[in-house]
Amino acid sequence: MFLNTLEVLIQKSPNDCPFIVLKDFNIDILDDSNHKNNKQQLIDFVNKFELKSQFENITTKAGSQLDHIWSNVPRYECKSTVLKAYWPDIHKPIYIAFTDTIPIYSNKSILSQFI
């Protein structure tokens, strides 16, 4: 459901609109045996919109990568990492920062459809 909504948002946005998606997909991209159908659906989606993974690190204390950052912003324009967490949650916080200024779009008519 999330990918369907995101697809509509991407399709209705200007072609040069930068996208950054940070989400706990609960799909371990590092484990080939885990959620094969969901993993393939995610891979097909990011390939369709030419989104790139902004990092490939372990994001949980269990050694999996369930949390992802996907973007159409070139990798050299941003920096991302996993931060240390001092709370008992299994997920570690993920972080992205941009080294260059990127345009910000605020098309309320598009966004209001999803709120």
C-alpha atoms as a PDB file:
ATOM      1  CA  MET A   1       0.000   0.000   0.000  1.00  0.00           C
ATOM      2  CA  PHE A   2       2.792   2.441   0.881  1.00  0.00           C
ATOM      3  CA  LEU A   3       4.540   1.891  -2.454  1.00  0.00           C
ATOM      4  CA  ASN A   4       1.287   2.480  -4.361  1.00  0.00           C
ATOM      5  CA  THR A   5       0.756   5.811  -2.592  1.00  0.00           C
ATOM      6  CA  LEU A   6       4.384   6.796  -3.104  1.00  0.00           C
ATOM      7  CA  GLU A   7       4.145   5.911  -6.798  1.00  0.00           C
ATOM      8  CA  VAL A   8       1.177   8.262  -7.276  1.00  0.00           C
ATOM      9  CA  LEU A   9       3.030  11.042  -5.453  1.00  0.00           C
ATOM     10  CA  ILE A  10       6.131  10.599  -7.630  1.00  0.00           C
ATOM     11  CA  GLN A  11       4.102  10.482 -10.841  1.00  0.00           C
ATOM     12  CA  LYS A  12       2.222  13.697  -9.994  1.00  0.00           C
ATOM     13  CA  SER A  13       5.350  15.625  -9.042  1.00  0.00           C
ATOM     14  CA  PRO A  14       7.568  17.656 -11.389  1.00  0.00           C
ATOM     15  CA  ASN A  15      10.189  15.609 -13.249  1.00  0.00           C
ATOM     16  CA  ASP A  16      13.071  17.415 -11.555  1.00  0.00           C
ATOM     17  CA  CYS A  17      11.641  17.016  -8.045  1.00  0.00           C
ATOM     18  CA  PRO A  18      14.131  15.358  -5.666  1.00  0.00           C
ATOM     19  CA  PHE A  19      12.801  12.442  -3.615  1.00  0.00           C
ATOM     20  CA  ILE A  20      14.156  11.044  -0.393  1.00  0.00           C
ATOM     21  CA  VAL A  21      12.354   8.102   1.189  1.00  0.00           C
ATOM     22  CA  LEU A  22      13.362   7.050   4.716  1.00  0.00           C
ATOM     23  CA  LYS A  23      11.342   4.144   6.005  1.00  0.00           C
ATOM     24  CA  ASP A  24      11.341   0.980   8.036  1.00  0.00           C
ATOM     25  CA  PHE A  25      10.278  -1.354   5.235  1.00  0.00           C
ATOM     26  CA  ASN A  26      10.704  -4.491   7.405  1.00  0.00           C
ATOM     27  CA  ILE A  27      12.459  -6.047   4.426  1.00  0.00           C
ATOM     28  CA  ASP A  28      16.020  -7.114   5.097  1.00  0.00           C
ATOM     29  CA  ILE A  29      17.830  -6.169   1.908  1.00  0.00           C
ATOM     30  CA  LEU A  30      20.906  -8.106   3.107  1.00  0.00           C
ATOM     31  CA  ASP A  31      19.075 -11.448   3.507  1.00  0.00           C
ATOM     32  CA  ASP A  32      18.120 -13.239   0.286  1.00  0.00           C
ATOM     33  CA  SER A  33      15.786 -15.675   2.063  1.00  0.00           C
ATOM     34  CA  ASN A  34      13.733 -13.015   3.874  1.00  0.00           C
ATOM     35  CA  HIS A  35      10.441 -11.744   2.351  1.00  0.00           C
ATOM     36  CA  LYS A  36      11.408 -12.624  -1.238  1.00  0.00           C
ATOM     37  CA  ASN A  37       8.201 -11.298  -2.820  1.00  0.00           C
ATOM     38  CA  ASN A  38       8.219  -8.035  -0.849  1.00  0.00           C
ATOM     39  CA  LYS A  39      11.928  -7.593  -1.472  1.00  0.00           C
ATOM     40  CA  GLN A  40      11.460  -8.041  -5.218  1.00  0.00           C
ATOM     41  CA  GLN A  41       8.534  -5.588  -5.202  1.00  0.00           C
ATOM     42  CA  LEU A  42      10.737  -3.006  -3.439  1.00  0.00           C
ATOM     43  CA  ILE A  43      13.626  -3.584  -5.870  1.00  0.00           C
ATOM     44  CA  ASP A  44      11.281  -3.268  -8.867  1.00  0.00           C
ATOM     45  CA  PHE A  45       9.863  -0.023  -7.452  1.00  0.00           C
ATOM     46  CA  VAL A  46      13.223   1.654  -6.846  1.00  0.00           C
ATOM     47  CA  ASN A  47      14.452   0.557 -10.275  1.00  0.00           C
ATOM     48  CA  LYS A  48      11.305   1.907 -11.978  1.00  0.00           C
ATOM     49  CA  PHE A  49      11.910   5.383 -10.528  1.00  0.00           C
ATOM     50  CA  GLU A  50      15.716   5.156 -10.682  1.00  0.00           C
ATOM     51  CA  LEU A  51      16.049   5.586  -6.928  1.00  0.00           C
ATOM     52  CA  LYS A  52      19.402   4.738  -5.399  1.00  0.00           C
ATOM     53  CA  SER A  53      20.154   3.378  -1.975  1.00  0.00           C
ATOM     54  CA  GLN A  54      21.920   6.062   0.011  1.00  0.00           C
ATOM     55  CA  PHE A  55      23.641   3.549   2.231  1.00  0.00           C
ATOM     56  CA  GLU A  56      24.040  -0.167   2.739  1.00  0.00           C
ATOM     57  CA  ASN A  57      24.582  -0.672   6.443  1.00  0.00           C
ATOM     58  CA  ILE A  58      23.160  -2.786   9.210  1.00  0.00           C
ATOM     59  CA  THR A  59      20.326  -0.814  10.837  1.00  0.00           C
ATOM     60  CA  THR A  60      19.236  -3.130  13.646  1.00  0.00           C
ATOM     61  CA  LYS A  61      20.857  -4.711  16.645  1.00  0.00           C
ATOM     62  CA  ALA A  62      19.992  -8.095  15.081  1.00  0.00           C
ATOM     63  CA  GLY A  63      22.369  -7.408  12.159  1.00  0.00           C
ATOM     64  CA  SER A  64      19.747  -6.756   9.483  1.00  0.00           C
ATOM     65  CA  GLN A  65      18.981  -3.789   7.234  1.00  0.00           C
ATOM     66  CA  LEU A  66      15.257  -3.144   7.653  1.00  0.00           C
ATOM     67  CA  ASP A  67      15.499   0.644   7.472  1.00  0.00           C
ATOM     68  CA  HIS A  68      16.298   2.203   4.132  1.00  0.00           C
ATOM     69  CA  ILE A  69      17.052   5.547   2.522  1.00  0.00           C
ATOM     70  CA  TRP A  70      16.199   5.697  -1.199  1.00  0.00           C
ATOM     71  CA  SER A  71      16.620   8.822  -3.298  1.00  0.00           C
ATOM     72  CA  ASN A  72      16.879  10.180  -6.816  1.00  0.00           C
ATOM     73  CA  VAL A  73      19.464  12.698  -5.559  1.00  0.00           C
ATOM     74  CA  PRO A  74      22.959  11.655  -6.700  1.00  0.00           C
ATOM     75  CA  ARG A  75      24.909   9.941  -3.938  1.00  0.00           C
ATOM     76  CA  TYR A  76      27.784  12.436  -4.098  1.00  0.00           C
ATOM     77  CA  GLU A  77      25.386  15.210  -3.041  1.00  0.00           C
ATOM     78  CA  CYS A  78      24.464  13.574   0.253  1.00  0.00           C
ATOM     79  CA  LYS A  79      25.915  11.786   3.211  1.00  0.00           C
ATOM     80  CA  SER A  80      24.128   9.155   5.274  1.00  0.00           C
ATOM     81  CA  THR A  81      24.913   6.865   8.132  1.00  0.00           C
ATOM     82  CA  VAL A  82      23.515   4.832  10.996  1.00  0.00           C
ATOM     83  CA  LEU A  83      23.760   6.517  14.388  1.00  0.00           C
ATOM     84  CA  LYS A  84      24.391   4.851  17.720  1.00  0.00           C
ATOM     85  CA  ALA A  85      21.323   4.555  19.897  1.00  0.00           C
ATOM     86  CA  TYR A  86      21.244   4.391  23.666  1.00  0.00           C
ATOM     87  CA  TRP A  87      17.690   3.110  24.017  1.00  0.00           C
ATOM     88  CA  PRO A  88      16.694  -0.567  23.984  1.00  0.00           C
ATOM     89  CA  ASP A  89      14.794  -0.485  20.644  1.00  0.00           C
ATOM     90  CA  ILE A  90      16.047  -2.935  18.021  1.00  0.00           C
ATOM     91  CA  HIS A  91      16.248  -0.236  15.306  1.00  0.00           C
ATOM     92  CA  LYS A  92      19.089   2.242  15.099  1.00  0.00           C
ATOM     93  CA  PRO A  93      18.398   5.794  13.850  1.00  0.00           C
ATOM     94  CA  ILE A  94      19.371   6.558  10.257  1.00  0.00           C
ATOM     95  CA  TYR A  95      20.525   9.955   9.059  1.00  0.00           C
ATOM     96  CA  ILE A  96      20.911  11.780   5.737  1.00  0.00           C
ATOM     97  CA  ALA A  97      22.358  15.232   5.029  1.00  0.00           C
ATOM     98  CA  PHE A  98      22.901  17.030   1.751  1.00  0.00           C
ATOM     99  CA  THR A  99      26.215  18.561   0.752  1.00  0.00           C
ATOM    100  CA  ASP A 100      24.592  20.762  -1.896  1.00  0.00           C
ATOM    101  CA  THR A 101      21.413  22.787  -1.943  1.00  0.00           C
ATOM    102  CA  ILE A 102      18.547  20.940  -3.565  1.00  0.00           C
ATOM    103  CA  PRO A 103      15.249  22.522  -4.607  1.00  0.00           C
ATOM    104  CA  ILE A 104      12.317  22.091  -2.230  1.00  0.00           C
ATOM    105  CA  TYR A 105       8.877  21.608  -3.753  1.00  0.00           C
ATOM    106  CA  SER A 106       5.755  22.341  -1.816  1.00  0.00           C
ATOM    107  CA  ASN A 107       2.871  21.606  -4.114  1.00  0.00           C
ATOM    108  CA  LYS A 108      -0.025  21.618  -1.664  1.00  0.00           C
ATOM    109  CA  SER A 109      -2.502  20.380  -4.264  1.00  0.00           C
ATOM    110  CA  ILE A 110      -0.470  17.195  -4.734  1.00  0.00           C
ATOM    111  CA  LEU A 111       0.352  16.704  -1.059  1.00  0.00           C
ATOM    112  CA  SER A 112      -3.196  17.345   0.170  1.00  0.00           C
ATOM    113  CA  GLN A 113      -4.330  14.150  -1.572  1.00  0.00           C
ATOM    114  CA  PHE A 114      -2.182  12.116   0.809  1.00  0.00           C
ATOM    115  CA  ILE A 115      -2.862  13.833   4.125  1.00  0.00           C
END
